[in-house]
Amino acid sequence: MIAEYEAVCAEVKAYAGLVDLATLSVINLFLGAPAPPAGDWLIVYLRSDYTTIVVMRGDQVIFFRNRAEGDEDAIADLVHQTAMYYQDRLAGQGFTRAFLGGTGRDPQAAETARRSLEDRLGVTVDPIDPASAAALPDRISASAEIVYALAPLVGMIVRTFREPVGA
């Protein structure tokens, strides 16, 4: 399947470069930070048409789920199901950190999801912030939407610089 896409690109003399899932690049954003989270931590990444939840144990992904629904009730249910699975099947003892980023279907989706996560998990939910791994010049200010759009890109760049040449 990938060869078909590469062939189309080659026909028009284009090179796709690095293609990755946005959420995996967000994970790389955190792992490339000077002080990555320790213990068990959670990432919730919202988009208008899907939600992804990742449970990390240190620098290892121990749970990854993507659901093609982005409404408020589906997010709450997804978080609840994930938390139950985490406790019952993954010997989870509680999250040391939780992060939320992206944008949902409506402008208040992220804030509603943040409050729901904090209530259900009992931890403060921090925003996904690319500045944790890459400093932005002090004269640049960006809206939350732009910051969330930058997060996977910065994560991809951080990973690229971490990988040894020829890897």
N, C-alpha and C. Protein backbone atom coordinates (compact mmCIF):
# COMPACT_ATOMS: atom_id res chain seq x y z
N MET A 1 0.82 -1.19 0.00
CA MET A 1 0.00 0.00 0.00
C MET A 1 0.87 1.26 0.00
N ILE A 2 1.89 1.28 0.84
CA ILE A 2 2.76 2.45 0.91
C ILE A 2 3.49 2.63 -0.42
N ALA A 3 3.89 1.52 -1.03
CA ALA A 3 4.59 1.61 -2.31
C ALA A 3 3.75 2.32 -3.35
N GLU A 4 2.44 2.14 -3.32
CA GLU A 4 1.56 2.83 -4.27
C GLU A 4 1.64 4.35 -4.07
N TYR A 5 1.60 4.78 -2.82
CA TYR A 5 1.69 6.22 -2.54
C TYR A 5 3.06 6.77 -2.94
N GLU A 6 4.11 6.01 -2.64
CA GLU A 6 5.44 6.46 -3.00
C GLU A 6 5.58 6.57 -4.52
N ALA A 7 4.96 5.63 -5.25
CA ALA A 7 5.02 5.65 -6.72
C ALA A 7 4.34 6.90 -7.27
N VAL A 8 3.21 7.27 -6.70
CA VAL A 8 2.51 8.48 -7.14
C VAL A 8 3.40 9.70 -6.90
N CYS A 9 4.01 9.77 -5.74
CA CYS A 9 4.91 10.89 -5.44
C CYS A 9 6.08 10.92 -6.42
N ALA A 10 6.66 9.76 -6.69
CA ALA A 10 7.80 9.69 -7.60
C ALA A 10 7.42 10.16 -9.01
N GLU A 11 6.20 9.84 -9.43
CA GLU A 11 5.75 10.26 -10.76
C GLU A 11 5.74 11.78 -10.92
N VAL A 12 5.42 12.47 -9.86
CA VAL A 12 5.36 13.94 -9.93
C VAL A 12 6.62 14.59 -9.36
N LYS A 13 7.66 13.77 -9.19
CA LYS A 13 8.97 14.24 -8.69
C LYS A 13 8.86 14.88 -7.31
N ALA A 14 8.03 14.28 -6.46
CA ALA A 14 7.87 14.76 -5.09
C ALA A 14 8.37 13.70 -4.12
N TYR A 15 8.84 14.15 -2.99
CA TYR A 15 9.32 13.25 -1.94
C TYR A 15 8.52 13.54 -0.68
N ALA A 16 7.83 12.53 -0.18
CA ALA A 16 6.95 12.73 0.96
C ALA A 16 7.71 13.03 2.24
N GLY A 17 8.90 12.52 2.40
CA GLY A 17 9.66 12.74 3.63
C GLY A 17 9.14 11.88 4.76
N LEU A 18 9.18 12.39 5.95
CA LEU A 18 8.75 11.66 7.12
C LEU A 18 7.23 11.77 7.29
N VAL A 19 6.58 10.63 7.38
CA VAL A 19 5.14 10.60 7.61
C VAL A 19 4.93 9.87 8.94
N ASP A 20 4.17 10.47 9.81
CA ASP A 20 4.00 9.91 11.15
C ASP A 20 2.60 10.24 11.65
N LEU A 21 2.15 9.51 12.65
CA LEU A 21 0.90 9.85 13.32
C LEU A 21 1.15 11.06 14.22
N ALA A 22 0.22 11.99 14.23
CA ALA A 22 0.39 13.21 15.04
C ALA A 22 0.62 12.88 16.51
N THR A 23 -0.13 11.92 17.03
CA THR A 23 -0.02 11.60 18.46
C THR A 23 1.36 11.01 18.78
N LEU A 24 1.92 10.20 17.90
CA LEU A 24 3.25 9.66 18.15
C LEU A 24 4.29 10.78 18.16
N SER A 25 4.10 11.77 17.32
CA SER A 25 5.00 12.92 17.33
C SER A 25 4.84 13.74 18.61
N VAL A 26 3.63 13.80 19.14
CA VAL A 26 3.42 14.48 20.43
C VAL A 26 4.16 13.73 21.54
N ILE A 27 4.15 12.41 21.50
CA ILE A 27 4.91 11.62 22.47
C ILE A 27 6.39 11.98 22.37
N ASN A 28 6.90 12.07 21.14
CA ASN A 28 8.31 12.44 20.95
C ASN A 28 8.62 13.83 21.48
N LEU A 29 7.63 14.71 21.43
CA LEU A 29 7.80 16.05 22.00
C LEU A 29 8.15 15.94 23.48
N PHE A 30 7.40 15.11 24.21
CA PHE A 30 7.65 14.94 25.64
C PHE A 30 8.95 14.19 25.91
N LEU A 31 9.21 13.13 25.14
CA LEU A 31 10.42 12.34 25.36
C LEU A 31 11.68 13.11 25.02
N GLY A 32 11.56 14.13 24.16
CA GLY A 32 12.71 14.95 23.81
C GLY A 32 12.92 16.14 24.72
N ALA A 33 12.02 16.34 25.67
CA ALA A 33 12.14 17.46 26.59
C ALA A 33 13.30 17.22 27.56
N PRO A 34 13.87 18.28 28.11
CA PRO A 34 14.98 18.10 29.06
C PRO A 34 14.62 17.22 30.26
N ALA A 35 13.37 17.27 30.71
CA ALA A 35 12.93 16.45 31.84
C ALA A 35 11.61 15.77 31.47
N PRO A 36 11.69 14.63 30.74
CA PRO A 36 10.45 13.96 30.35
C PRO A 36 9.71 13.43 31.57
N PRO A 37 8.40 13.29 31.48
CA PRO A 37 7.63 12.79 32.62
C PRO A 37 8.10 11.40 33.05
N ALA A 38 8.02 11.14 34.34
CA ALA A 38 8.38 9.84 34.88
C ALA A 38 7.12 9.15 35.37
N GLY A 39 7.22 7.88 35.68
CA GLY A 39 6.08 7.13 36.17
C GLY A 39 5.06 6.90 35.07
N ASP A 40 3.83 6.71 35.44
CA ASP A 40 2.74 6.52 34.48
C ASP A 40 2.12 7.87 34.17
N TRP A 41 1.99 8.19 32.91
CA TRP A 41 1.43 9.48 32.49
C TRP A 41 0.56 9.28 31.28
N LEU A 42 -0.31 10.26 31.07
CA LEU A 42 -1.38 10.15 30.09
C LEU A 42 -1.34 11.32 29.11
N ILE A 43 -1.59 11.00 27.84
CA ILE A 43 -1.76 12.03 26.81
C ILE A 43 -3.13 11.84 26.19
N VAL A 44 -3.89 12.92 26.10
CA VAL A 44 -5.16 12.92 25.37
C VAL A 44 -5.03 13.97 24.29
N TYR A 45 -5.21 13.54 23.04
CA TYR A 45 -5.04 14.44 21.90
C TYR A 45 -6.35 14.49 21.13
N LEU A 46 -6.97 15.66 21.08
CA LEU A 46 -8.27 15.86 20.45
C LEU A 46 -8.12 16.44 19.05
N ARG A 47 -8.90 15.94 18.15
CA ARG A 47 -9.06 16.54 16.84
C ARG A 47 -10.56 16.62 16.58
N SER A 48 -10.96 17.28 15.53
CA SER A 48 -12.39 17.45 15.27
C SER A 48 -13.08 16.13 14.96
N ASP A 49 -12.34 15.16 14.45
CA ASP A 49 -12.98 13.91 14.05
C ASP A 49 -12.43 12.67 14.76
N TYR A 50 -11.50 12.83 15.69
CA TYR A 50 -11.01 11.69 16.46
C TYR A 50 -10.40 12.15 17.77
N THR A 51 -10.26 11.20 18.68
CA THR A 51 -9.57 11.42 19.95
C THR A 51 -8.59 10.28 20.13
N THR A 52 -7.39 10.59 20.58
CA THR A 52 -6.39 9.56 20.86
C THR A 52 -5.97 9.67 22.31
N ILE A 53 -5.88 8.51 22.96
CA ILE A 53 -5.38 8.44 24.33
C ILE A 53 -4.18 7.52 24.34
N VAL A 54 -3.12 7.97 25.01
CA VAL A 54 -1.91 7.17 25.15
C VAL A 54 -1.55 7.13 26.63
N VAL A 55 -1.27 5.92 27.13
CA VAL A 55 -0.77 5.76 28.48
C VAL A 55 0.70 5.39 28.35
N MET A 56 1.53 6.15 29.03
CA MET A 56 2.97 5.94 29.01
C MET A 56 3.43 5.45 30.37
N ARG A 57 4.39 4.57 30.38
CA ARG A 57 5.08 4.16 31.61
C ARG A 57 6.53 4.52 31.39
N GLY A 58 6.92 5.67 31.96
CA GLY A 58 8.24 6.20 31.67
C GLY A 58 8.31 6.60 30.21
N ASP A 59 9.24 6.00 29.47
CA ASP A 59 9.36 6.32 28.04
C ASP A 59 8.75 5.25 27.14
N GLN A 60 7.94 4.35 27.73
CA GLN A 60 7.33 3.27 26.97
C GLN A 60 5.82 3.47 26.81
N VAL A 61 5.32 3.27 25.59
CA VAL A 61 3.88 3.29 25.35
C VAL A 61 3.33 1.95 25.86
N ILE A 62 2.38 2.01 26.80
CA ILE A 62 1.77 0.76 27.28
C ILE A 62 0.31 0.64 26.85
N PHE A 63 -0.24 1.72 26.31
CA PHE A 63 -1.62 1.69 25.83
C PHE A 63 -1.79 2.81 24.81
N PHE A 64 -2.43 2.46 23.68
CA PHE A 64 -2.68 3.45 22.63
C PHE A 64 -4.07 3.16 22.08
N ARG A 65 -4.91 4.19 22.06
CA ARG A 65 -6.26 4.00 21.52
C ARG A 65 -6.67 5.25 20.77
N ASN A 66 -7.22 5.03 19.59
CA ASN A 66 -7.72 6.11 18.76
C ASN A 66 -9.18 5.82 18.47
N ARG A 67 -10.02 6.81 18.70
CA ARG A 67 -11.44 6.63 18.46
C ARG A 67 -11.93 7.75 17.56
N ALA A 68 -12.72 7.38 16.56
CA ALA A 68 -13.16 8.32 15.54
C ALA A 68 -14.35 9.16 15.97
N GLU A 69 -14.43 9.46 17.22
CA GLU A 69 -15.48 10.35 17.71
C GLU A 69 -14.80 11.44 18.53
N GLY A 70 -15.33 12.64 18.46
CA GLY A 70 -14.70 13.72 19.19
C GLY A 70 -15.64 14.49 20.08
N ASP A 71 -16.87 13.99 20.28
CA ASP A 71 -17.79 14.77 21.10
C ASP A 71 -17.50 14.58 22.59
N GLU A 72 -18.04 15.48 23.37
CA GLU A 72 -17.78 15.54 24.80
C GLU A 72 -18.10 14.23 25.53
N ASP A 73 -19.27 13.62 25.25
CA ASP A 73 -19.64 12.38 25.92
C ASP A 73 -18.70 11.24 25.54
N ALA A 74 -18.34 11.16 24.28
CA ALA A 74 -17.44 10.10 23.83
C ALA A 74 -16.07 10.24 24.49
N ILE A 75 -15.58 11.46 24.67
CA ILE A 75 -14.29 11.68 25.32
C ILE A 75 -14.35 11.23 26.77
N ALA A 76 -15.38 11.60 27.48
CA ALA A 76 -15.54 11.18 28.88
C ALA A 76 -15.60 9.66 28.99
N ASP A 77 -16.36 9.02 28.10
CA ASP A 77 -16.45 7.56 28.11
C ASP A 77 -15.10 6.93 27.79
N LEU A 78 -14.41 7.47 26.82
CA LEU A 78 -13.11 6.94 26.42
C LEU A 78 -12.11 7.04 27.57
N VAL A 79 -12.10 8.15 28.26
CA VAL A 79 -11.21 8.32 29.40
C VAL A 79 -11.56 7.34 30.50
N HIS A 80 -12.84 7.19 30.78
CA HIS A 80 -13.27 6.25 31.83
C HIS A 80 -12.87 4.82 31.48
N GLN A 81 -13.13 4.39 30.24
CA GLN A 81 -12.76 3.04 29.81
C GLN A 81 -11.25 2.83 29.91
N THR A 82 -10.50 3.83 29.49
CA THR A 82 -9.05 3.74 29.53
C THR A 82 -8.55 3.64 30.97
N ALA A 83 -9.10 4.46 31.85
CA ALA A 83 -8.68 4.44 33.26
C ALA A 83 -8.99 3.09 33.90
N MET A 84 -10.13 2.51 33.59
CA MET A 84 -10.48 1.19 34.13
C MET A 84 -9.53 0.12 33.60
N TYR A 85 -9.25 0.14 32.31
CA TYR A 85 -8.33 -0.82 31.71
C TYR A 85 -6.93 -0.66 32.32
N TYR A 86 -6.51 0.58 32.47
CA TYR A 86 -5.21 0.89 33.05
C TYR A 86 -5.07 0.29 34.45
N GLN A 87 -6.10 0.45 35.27
CA GLN A 87 -6.05 -0.09 36.63
C GLN A 87 -6.15 -1.61 36.65
N ASP A 88 -7.10 -2.14 35.88
CA ASP A 88 -7.39 -3.58 35.94
C ASP A 88 -6.37 -4.44 35.20
N ARG A 89 -5.92 -4.00 34.05
CA ARG A 89 -5.08 -4.86 33.20
C ARG A 89 -3.61 -4.45 33.13
N LEU A 90 -3.32 -3.20 33.43
CA LEU A 90 -1.95 -2.72 33.30
C LEU A 90 -1.30 -2.43 34.66
N ALA A 91 -1.94 -2.88 35.74
CA ALA A 91 -1.44 -2.69 37.10
C ALA A 91 -1.15 -1.22 37.39
N GLY A 92 -2.01 -0.35 36.88
CA GLY A 92 -1.82 1.08 37.07
C GLY A 92 -2.07 1.51 38.50
N GLN A 93 -1.16 2.33 39.00
CA GLN A 93 -1.25 2.84 40.37
C GLN A 93 -1.61 4.32 40.42
N GLY A 94 -1.92 4.89 39.28
CA GLY A 94 -2.27 6.30 39.20
C GLY A 94 -1.30 7.06 38.32
N PHE A 95 -1.82 8.09 37.69
CA PHE A 95 -1.01 8.88 36.77
C PHE A 95 -0.26 9.97 37.53
N THR A 96 1.02 10.11 37.20
CA THR A 96 1.80 11.19 37.80
C THR A 96 1.55 12.50 37.08
N ARG A 97 1.24 12.41 35.78
CA ARG A 97 0.97 13.59 34.97
C ARG A 97 -0.10 13.24 33.95
N ALA A 98 -0.80 14.25 33.46
CA ALA A 98 -1.76 14.10 32.37
C ALA A 98 -1.66 15.34 31.50
N PHE A 99 -1.74 15.12 30.18
CA PHE A 99 -1.60 16.20 29.22
C PHE A 99 -2.75 16.14 28.22
N LEU A 100 -3.22 17.30 27.82
CA LEU A 100 -4.32 17.40 26.88
C LEU A 100 -3.96 18.44 25.83
N GLY A 101 -4.25 18.10 24.58
CA GLY A 101 -3.99 19.05 23.52
C GLY A 101 -4.90 18.80 22.34
N GLY A 102 -4.80 19.69 21.38
CA GLY A 102 -5.62 19.59 20.19
C GLY A 102 -6.89 20.41 20.33
N THR A 103 -7.73 20.26 19.33
CA THR A 103 -9.01 20.97 19.33
C THR A 103 -10.10 19.99 18.94
N GLY A 104 -11.22 20.09 19.56
CA GLY A 104 -12.35 19.22 19.25
C GLY A 104 -13.28 19.85 18.24
N ARG A 105 -14.50 19.36 18.23
CA ARG A 105 -15.48 19.87 17.26
C ARG A 105 -15.94 21.28 17.55
N ASP A 106 -15.98 21.63 18.82
CA ASP A 106 -16.42 22.98 19.15
C ASP A 106 -15.33 23.69 19.94
N PRO A 107 -15.38 25.02 20.02
CA PRO A 107 -14.31 25.78 20.66
C PRO A 107 -14.08 25.45 22.14
N GLN A 108 -15.10 24.93 22.82
CA GLN A 108 -14.96 24.62 24.24
C GLN A 108 -14.59 23.16 24.52
N ALA A 109 -14.39 22.36 23.47
CA ALA A 109 -14.14 20.92 23.65
C ALA A 109 -12.93 20.64 24.54
N ALA A 110 -11.83 21.33 24.31
CA ALA A 110 -10.62 21.07 25.09
C ALA A 110 -10.83 21.43 26.56
N GLU A 111 -11.47 22.56 26.82
CA GLU A 111 -11.70 22.97 28.22
C GLU A 111 -12.65 21.99 28.92
N THR A 112 -13.69 21.57 28.23
CA THR A 112 -14.64 20.60 28.80
C THR A 112 -13.92 19.28 29.08
N ALA A 113 -13.11 18.84 28.13
CA ALA A 113 -12.36 17.60 28.31
C ALA A 113 -11.38 17.72 29.47
N ARG A 114 -10.72 18.87 29.60
CA ARG A 114 -9.77 19.07 30.70
C ARG A 114 -10.44 18.93 32.05
N ARG A 115 -11.59 19.59 32.21
CA ARG A 115 -12.32 19.50 33.48
C ARG A 115 -12.76 18.06 33.77
N SER A 116 -13.25 17.38 32.75
CA SER A 116 -13.70 16.00 32.89
C SER A 116 -12.54 15.09 33.29
N LEU A 117 -11.39 15.28 32.65
CA LEU A 117 -10.21 14.47 32.98
C LEU A 117 -9.77 14.71 34.42
N GLU A 118 -9.72 15.97 34.82
CA GLU A 118 -9.29 16.27 36.19
C GLU A 118 -10.24 15.65 37.21
N ASP A 119 -11.55 15.72 36.95
CA ASP A 119 -12.52 15.13 37.86
C ASP A 119 -12.38 13.62 37.94
N ARG A 120 -12.23 12.97 36.80
CA ARG A 120 -12.16 11.50 36.76
C ARG A 120 -10.83 10.95 37.25
N LEU A 121 -9.73 11.65 36.98
CA LEU A 121 -8.41 11.11 37.28
C LEU A 121 -7.81 11.65 38.57
N GLY A 122 -8.30 12.78 39.04
CA GLY A 122 -7.77 13.36 40.27
C GLY A 122 -6.37 13.95 40.12
N VAL A 123 -5.99 14.33 38.91
CA VAL A 123 -4.70 14.98 38.68
C VAL A 123 -4.92 16.24 37.86
N THR A 124 -4.00 17.17 37.96
CA THR A 124 -4.05 18.36 37.13
C THR A 124 -3.72 17.96 35.70
N VAL A 125 -4.48 18.48 34.76
CA VAL A 125 -4.24 18.19 33.35
C VAL A 125 -3.57 19.40 32.73
N ASP A 126 -2.34 19.21 32.28
CA ASP A 126 -1.56 20.29 31.69
C ASP A 126 -1.75 20.33 30.18
N PRO A 127 -1.61 21.50 29.58
CA PRO A 127 -1.70 21.58 28.12
C PRO A 127 -0.46 20.99 27.47
N ILE A 128 -0.65 20.43 26.29
CA ILE A 128 0.49 19.98 25.48
C ILE A 128 1.14 21.25 24.94
N ASP A 129 2.41 21.43 25.25
CA ASP A 129 3.08 22.67 24.91
C ASP A 129 4.43 22.37 24.24
N PRO A 130 4.59 22.74 22.97
CA PRO A 130 5.85 22.47 22.29
C PRO A 130 7.05 23.17 22.93
N ALA A 131 6.81 24.21 23.71
CA ALA A 131 7.91 24.92 24.36
C ALA A 131 8.59 24.05 25.42
N SER A 132 7.98 22.91 25.78
CA SER A 132 8.63 22.02 26.74
C SER A 132 9.88 21.37 26.15
N ALA A 133 9.95 21.29 24.81
CA ALA A 133 11.11 20.68 24.16
C ALA A 133 11.86 21.64 23.26
N ALA A 134 11.22 22.72 22.85
CA ALA A 134 11.86 23.66 21.94
C ALA A 134 11.42 25.07 22.30
N ALA A 135 12.39 25.90 22.58
CA ALA A 135 12.08 27.27 22.96
C ALA A 135 11.61 28.08 21.74
N LEU A 136 10.55 28.83 21.94
CA LEU A 136 10.09 29.76 20.91
C LEU A 136 10.64 31.13 21.25
N PRO A 137 11.04 31.91 20.25
CA PRO A 137 11.53 33.26 20.54
C PRO A 137 10.49 34.04 21.35
N ASP A 138 10.96 34.88 22.23
CA ASP A 138 10.06 35.58 23.14
C ASP A 138 9.12 36.55 22.45
N ARG A 139 9.35 36.88 21.21
CA ARG A 139 8.47 37.81 20.52
C ARG A 139 7.34 37.10 19.77
N ILE A 140 7.36 35.78 19.81
CA ILE A 140 6.32 35.03 19.11
C ILE A 140 5.23 34.66 20.11
N SER A 141 4.02 35.05 19.78
CA SER A 141 2.88 34.59 20.58
C SER A 141 1.95 33.86 19.63
N ALA A 142 1.31 32.83 20.15
CA ALA A 142 0.47 32.01 19.29
C ALA A 142 -0.79 31.61 20.03
N SER A 143 -1.86 31.46 19.28
CA SER A 143 -3.11 31.00 19.87
C SER A 143 -2.97 29.54 20.25
N ALA A 144 -3.90 29.05 21.07
CA ALA A 144 -3.89 27.64 21.47
C ALA A 144 -3.96 26.73 20.25
N GLU A 145 -4.76 27.10 19.26
CA GLU A 145 -4.88 26.26 18.06
C GLU A 145 -3.55 26.13 17.33
N ILE A 146 -2.80 27.21 17.24
CA ILE A 146 -1.51 27.16 16.57
C ILE A 146 -0.52 26.35 17.40
N VAL A 147 -0.54 26.52 18.71
CA VAL A 147 0.35 25.75 19.59
C VAL A 147 0.07 24.26 19.43
N TYR A 148 -1.21 23.87 19.40
CA TYR A 148 -1.55 22.46 19.25
C TYR A 148 -1.17 21.94 17.87
N ALA A 149 -1.23 22.78 16.86
CA ALA A 149 -0.80 22.38 15.52
C ALA A 149 0.72 22.22 15.47
N LEU A 150 1.44 23.05 16.22
CA LEU A 150 2.90 22.97 16.25
C LEU A 150 3.42 21.76 17.02
N ALA A 151 2.68 21.30 18.02
CA ALA A 151 3.16 20.23 18.90
C ALA A 151 3.65 19.00 18.15
N PRO A 152 2.85 18.41 17.24
CA PRO A 152 3.36 17.23 16.52
C PRO A 152 4.57 17.56 15.64
N LEU A 153 4.59 18.74 15.06
CA LEU A 153 5.71 19.12 14.20
C LEU A 153 7.00 19.24 15.00
N VAL A 154 6.91 19.88 16.16
CA VAL A 154 8.09 20.01 17.02
C VAL A 154 8.53 18.63 17.50
N GLY A 155 7.57 17.77 17.84
CA GLY A 155 7.91 16.41 18.26
C GLY A 155 8.65 15.64 17.17
N MET A 156 8.21 15.82 15.93
CA MET A 156 8.87 15.16 14.80
C MET A 156 10.30 15.68 14.64
N ILE A 157 10.48 16.98 14.79
CA ILE A 157 11.82 17.57 14.67
C ILE A 157 12.71 17.10 15.81
N VAL A 158 12.18 17.07 17.02
CA VAL A 158 12.96 16.62 18.18
C VAL A 158 13.43 15.19 17.95
N ARG A 159 12.54 14.33 17.47
CA ARG A 159 12.92 12.94 17.22
C ARG A 159 13.98 12.85 16.14
N THR A 160 13.84 13.64 15.09
CA THR A 160 14.80 13.61 14.00
C THR A 160 16.20 13.98 14.50
N PHE A 161 16.30 14.97 15.38
CA PHE A 161 17.59 15.37 15.89
C PHE A 161 18.15 14.37 16.90
N ARG A 162 17.30 13.60 17.56
CA ARG A 162 17.75 12.60 18.53
C ARG A 162 18.28 11.35 17.86
N GLU A 163 17.73 11.00 16.68
CA GLU A 163 18.11 9.76 16.00
C GLU A 163 19.52 9.88 15.45
N PRO A 164 20.32 8.81 15.60
CA PRO A 164 21.67 8.85 15.02
C PRO A 164 21.59 8.86 13.49
N VAL A 165 22.57 9.44 12.85
CA VAL A 165 22.62 9.49 11.39
C VAL A 165 22.65 8.06 10.85
N GLY A 166 21.82 7.82 9.84
CA GLY A 166 21.76 6.50 9.22
C GLY A 166 20.80 5.56 9.90
N ALA A 167 20.09 6.01 10.92
CA ALA A 167 19.14 5.13 11.63
C ALA A 167 17.86 4.98 10.86
